[in-house]
Amino acid sequence: MAPILAYWDVRGIVTPIRLLLAYADVRYEYKEYEFQGNRAEWFEVDKIELGETLDFPNLPYYIDGRVQLTQSKTILAYLGRKHNLNAANEAEELRISLIIEQVSDLRLFISRVANPPVSATNRQEIHEKLRKEYLDSIPSRLGLIAKFLGSHNWMAGDHLTYADFLVYDVLDFHRLLFNPKHFNGFPTLVAYMERFENLKGVKEFLVTMEKMPTNRPGVAFFGNSKDFKPKED
């Protein structure tokens, strides 16, 4: 029986998992839940039923026989081990752990910029303030990642690991929501992303990914990936 991966019908945090599955040429069932509109299928039906088997019922979830997981980074790490995309030694293991935490912090900051609290009456003001803070920090944030990569082909060293699927997705998310020119000063990151985009399976999947909405309705202040054009910052 084919594994099952489930998530909302948006790009979101499931993309690194889907990229890895595409690279590993895994045939799986992808179940989408409606993000906008009626969410009853997940919240009122499947989440309750899956609570009998999943330790922490949530999206995304991945079911592969007896292995039944939630938490996107846990799923990614499991697939990395299963498809020989994990660390070869302790040094690589530490680099993987470190870069995953670093880009997770970056994604969190980007999400805060894109989605100010819904309850706030001054959402536009909050967005502009956080956007400026983020834009001012870009050279430092990207610079640290470029320095970490150094002369390596991949984040753990000289071979691809599951960490690269998350790193690429976060960097691409930045490129989507902000101006791609921010990468101009970091040629090693540009080369890294191009190298990743040309991996077998990944290249084909990225074509379909271009059609996915980025996140919750319009990512608040940015727009969907279908028609989004970054500001000239």
Protein backbone atom coordinates (compact mmCIF):
# COMPACT_ATOMS: atom_id res chain seq x y z
CA MET A 1 0.00 0.00 0.00
CA ALA A 2 1.36 3.42 -0.96
CA PRO A 3 2.26 5.87 1.81
CA ILE A 4 -0.16 8.72 2.49
CA LEU A 5 0.91 12.33 2.92
CA ALA A 6 -1.72 14.89 3.86
CA TYR A 7 -1.78 18.66 4.19
CA TRP A 8 -3.83 21.74 3.37
CA ASP A 9 -4.30 22.67 -0.30
CA VAL A 10 -1.53 25.28 -0.10
CA ARG A 11 2.25 25.20 -0.32
CA GLY A 12 3.03 25.71 3.36
CA ILE A 13 5.44 23.59 5.40
CA VAL A 14 4.81 20.34 3.55
CA THR A 15 6.88 21.33 0.50
CA PRO A 16 10.28 20.03 1.73
CA ILE A 17 8.67 16.63 2.29
CA ARG A 18 7.13 16.60 -1.18
CA LEU A 19 10.44 17.67 -2.73
CA LEU A 20 12.25 14.82 -1.00
CA LEU A 21 9.63 12.29 -2.07
CA ALA A 22 9.91 13.56 -5.65
CA TYR A 23 13.69 13.21 -5.56
CA ALA A 24 13.49 9.71 -4.08
CA ASP A 25 10.86 8.78 -6.70
CA VAL A 26 8.40 7.61 -4.05
CA ARG A 27 4.89 6.88 -5.23
CA TYR A 28 2.43 8.06 -2.59
CA GLU A 29 -1.11 9.27 -2.12
CA TYR A 30 -1.40 12.99 -1.49
CA LYS A 31 -4.50 14.04 0.39
CA GLU A 32 -5.42 17.72 0.43
CA TYR A 33 -7.73 19.43 2.87
CA GLU A 34 -9.49 22.65 2.03
CA PHE A 35 -7.76 25.56 3.72
CA GLN A 36 -10.18 28.29 2.76
CA GLY A 37 -13.83 27.69 3.33
CA ASN A 38 -15.08 24.46 4.90
CA ARG A 39 -12.40 22.79 7.05
CA ALA A 40 -14.80 20.33 8.63
CA GLU A 41 -13.30 17.30 6.86
CA TRP A 42 -10.10 17.75 8.85
CA PHE A 43 -11.19 19.31 12.14
CA GLU A 44 -14.47 17.47 12.63
CA VAL A 45 -13.78 14.11 10.97
CA ASP A 46 -10.26 12.99 10.11
CA LYS A 47 -8.44 14.68 12.98
CA ILE A 48 -10.73 12.95 15.44
CA GLU A 49 -10.46 9.55 13.75
CA LEU A 50 -6.68 9.76 13.33
CA GLY A 51 -6.37 10.66 16.99
CA GLU A 52 -6.64 6.92 17.60
CA THR A 53 -3.38 6.22 15.75
CA LEU A 54 -1.40 9.47 15.57
CA ASP A 55 0.34 10.57 18.75
CA PHE A 56 -0.18 14.25 17.92
CA PRO A 57 -2.85 14.56 15.21
CA ASN A 58 -1.97 17.48 12.99
CA LEU A 59 -1.11 18.46 9.44
CA PRO A 60 0.99 17.38 7.70
CA TYR A 61 0.76 13.72 8.57
CA TYR A 62 2.58 10.82 6.91
CA ILE A 63 1.41 7.22 7.10
CA ASP A 64 3.73 4.50 5.82
CA GLY A 65 2.54 1.16 7.14
CA ARG A 66 3.22 1.07 10.86
CA VAL A 67 5.04 4.38 10.72
CA GLN A 68 2.50 7.12 11.37
CA LEU A 69 3.95 10.57 11.93
CA THR A 70 3.13 14.23 12.26
CA GLN A 71 5.44 17.25 12.66
CA SER A 72 6.99 18.26 9.35
CA LYS A 73 10.64 18.15 10.44
CA THR A 74 10.17 14.73 12.04
CA ILE A 75 8.65 13.39 8.82
CA LEU A 76 11.48 14.92 6.79
CA ALA A 77 14.13 13.36 9.06
CA TYR A 78 12.43 9.95 8.88
CA LEU A 79 12.39 10.08 5.08
CA GLY A 80 15.99 11.23 5.05
CA ARG A 81 17.07 8.16 6.98
CA LYS A 82 14.89 5.86 4.91
CA HIS A 83 16.22 7.12 1.57
CA ASN A 84 19.88 7.48 2.53
CA LEU A 85 19.75 11.26 2.74
CA ASN A 86 20.98 11.52 6.30
CA ALA A 87 24.32 12.35 7.90
CA ALA A 88 27.36 10.18 7.23
CA ASN A 89 29.07 11.11 10.50
CA GLU A 90 28.65 13.15 13.67
CA ALA A 91 30.05 16.32 12.10
CA GLU A 92 27.43 16.20 9.37
CA GLU A 93 24.73 15.39 11.88
CA LEU A 94 25.59 18.54 13.82
CA ARG A 95 25.61 20.66 10.65
CA ILE A 96 22.19 19.28 9.68
CA SER A 97 20.73 20.02 13.10
CA LEU A 98 22.20 23.52 13.14
CA ILE A 99 21.07 24.64 9.69
CA ILE A 100 17.58 23.21 10.19
CA GLU A 101 17.13 25.29 13.33
CA GLN A 102 18.57 28.37 11.63
CA VAL A 103 16.29 28.29 8.60
CA SER A 104 13.31 27.37 10.78
CA ASP A 105 13.88 30.62 12.66
CA LEU A 106 14.07 32.42 9.31
CA ARG A 107 10.78 30.91 8.15
CA LEU A 108 9.13 31.92 11.41
CA PHE A 109 10.23 35.53 10.96
CA ILE A 110 9.01 35.56 7.35
CA SER A 111 5.66 34.15 8.50
CA ARG A 112 5.35 36.90 11.11
CA VAL A 113 5.92 39.53 8.40
CA ALA A 114 3.44 37.90 6.05
CA ASN A 115 0.73 37.26 8.62
CA PRO A 116 0.33 39.88 11.35
CA PRO A 117 -2.14 38.88 14.08
CA VAL A 118 -5.66 38.71 12.68
CA SER A 119 -7.02 40.32 15.83
CA ALA A 120 -4.81 43.40 15.46
CA THR A 121 -6.56 46.56 14.27
CA ASN A 122 -3.33 47.94 12.78
CA ARG A 123 -2.24 44.92 10.74
CA GLN A 124 -0.89 47.01 7.88
CA GLU A 125 1.23 49.06 10.27
CA ILE A 126 2.56 45.92 11.96
CA HIS A 127 3.32 44.38 8.59
CA GLU A 128 5.28 47.40 7.37
CA LYS A 129 7.27 47.59 10.61
CA LEU A 130 8.19 43.91 10.56
CA ARG A 131 8.90 44.06 6.85
CA LYS A 132 11.40 46.87 7.36
CA GLU A 133 13.07 45.00 10.22
CA TYR A 134 13.36 41.93 8.05
CA LEU A 135 14.64 43.79 5.00
CA ASP A 136 17.29 45.50 7.12
CA SER A 137 18.42 42.11 8.41
CA ILE A 138 18.59 40.32 5.05
CA PRO A 139 22.31 40.85 4.33
CA SER A 140 23.18 39.42 7.73
CA ARG A 141 20.70 36.54 7.57
CA LEU A 142 21.65 35.40 4.07
CA GLY A 143 25.30 36.13 4.73
CA LEU A 144 25.38 33.75 7.69
CA ILE A 145 23.84 30.96 5.61
CA ALA A 146 26.29 31.62 2.75
CA LYS A 147 29.19 31.53 5.21
CA PHE A 148 27.90 28.26 6.68
CA LEU A 149 27.66 26.73 3.20
CA GLY A 150 31.17 27.89 2.39
CA SER A 151 32.72 25.93 -0.47
CA HIS A 152 30.51 22.89 0.09
CA ASN A 153 27.98 21.74 -2.46
CA TRP A 154 25.39 21.00 0.23
CA MET A 155 24.64 22.16 3.74
CA ALA A 156 25.98 19.07 5.50
CA GLY A 157 29.07 18.90 3.31
CA ASP A 158 29.69 17.26 -0.02
CA HIS A 159 26.56 15.14 -0.31
CA LEU A 160 22.85 15.93 -0.35
CA THR A 161 20.87 15.39 2.86
CA TYR A 162 17.30 15.91 3.97
CA ALA A 163 18.31 19.29 5.42
CA ASP A 164 18.80 20.70 1.92
CA PHE A 165 15.14 20.17 1.09
CA LEU A 166 14.12 22.42 3.96
CA VAL A 167 16.86 24.98 3.35
CA TYR A 168 15.93 25.31 -0.30
CA ASP A 169 12.25 25.74 0.49
CA VAL A 170 12.88 28.51 3.02
CA LEU A 171 15.27 30.36 0.69
CA ASP A 172 12.79 30.00 -2.16
CA PHE A 173 9.99 31.26 0.09
CA HIS A 174 12.09 34.34 0.77
CA ARG A 175 12.73 34.75 -2.95
CA LEU A 176 9.01 34.50 -3.63
CA LEU A 177 7.83 36.99 -1.02
CA PHE A 178 10.68 39.48 -1.30
CA ASN A 179 12.81 40.65 -4.20
CA PRO A 180 15.06 37.93 -5.70
CA LYS A 181 17.80 40.55 -6.13
CA HIS A 182 18.65 40.06 -2.45
CA PHE A 183 20.57 36.96 -3.50
CA ASN A 184 22.75 38.88 -5.96
CA GLY A 185 25.42 39.45 -3.33
CA PHE A 186 25.58 35.76 -2.46
CA PRO A 187 26.62 33.83 -5.59
CA THR A 188 27.22 30.63 -3.63
CA LEU A 189 23.58 30.62 -2.49
CA VAL A 190 22.39 31.28 -6.05
CA ALA A 191 24.52 28.36 -7.28
CA TYR A 192 23.26 26.20 -4.41
CA MET A 193 19.63 26.85 -5.32
CA GLU A 194 20.27 26.22 -9.01
CA ARG A 195 22.05 22.98 -8.16
CA PHE A 196 19.09 21.87 -6.08
CA GLU A 197 16.54 22.87 -8.74
CA ASN A 198 18.27 20.62 -11.27
CA LEU A 199 18.14 17.47 -9.17
CA LYS A 200 16.27 14.56 -10.72
CA GLY A 201 12.63 14.55 -9.70
CA VAL A 202 12.92 17.98 -8.10
CA LYS A 203 13.04 19.80 -11.41
CA GLU A 204 9.79 18.21 -12.53
CA PHE A 205 8.05 18.79 -9.21
CA LEU A 206 8.96 22.48 -9.14
CA VAL A 207 6.90 23.00 -12.29
CA THR A 208 3.78 21.84 -10.45
CA MET A 209 4.73 23.79 -7.31
CA GLU A 210 4.56 27.09 -9.20
CA LYS A 211 0.79 26.66 -9.37
CA MET A 212 0.31 26.24 -5.62
CA PRO A 213 -1.04 29.05 -3.44
CA THR A 214 1.67 29.99 -0.97
CA ASN A 215 -0.25 29.85 2.27
CA ARG A 216 -3.33 31.19 4.02
CA PRO A 217 -5.55 33.61 2.00
CA GLY A 218 -3.10 35.56 -0.12
CA VAL A 219 -0.38 35.27 2.56
CA ALA A 220 -2.03 38.32 4.05
CA PHE A 221 -0.01 41.13 2.49
CA PHE A 222 1.91 39.43 -0.30
CA GLY A 223 -0.38 37.55 -2.66
CA ASN A 224 -0.45 33.99 -3.98
CA SER A 225 2.39 32.40 -5.89
CA LYS A 226 0.20 32.22 -9.01
CA ASP A 227 0.35 35.96 -9.63
CA PHE A 228 2.61 37.41 -6.95
CA LYS A 229 5.21 40.00 -7.95
CA PRO A 230 7.65 41.02 -5.20
CA LYS A 231 8.05 44.65 -4.26
CA GLU A 232 11.17 46.42 -5.41
CA ASP A 233 12.86 46.50 -2.02
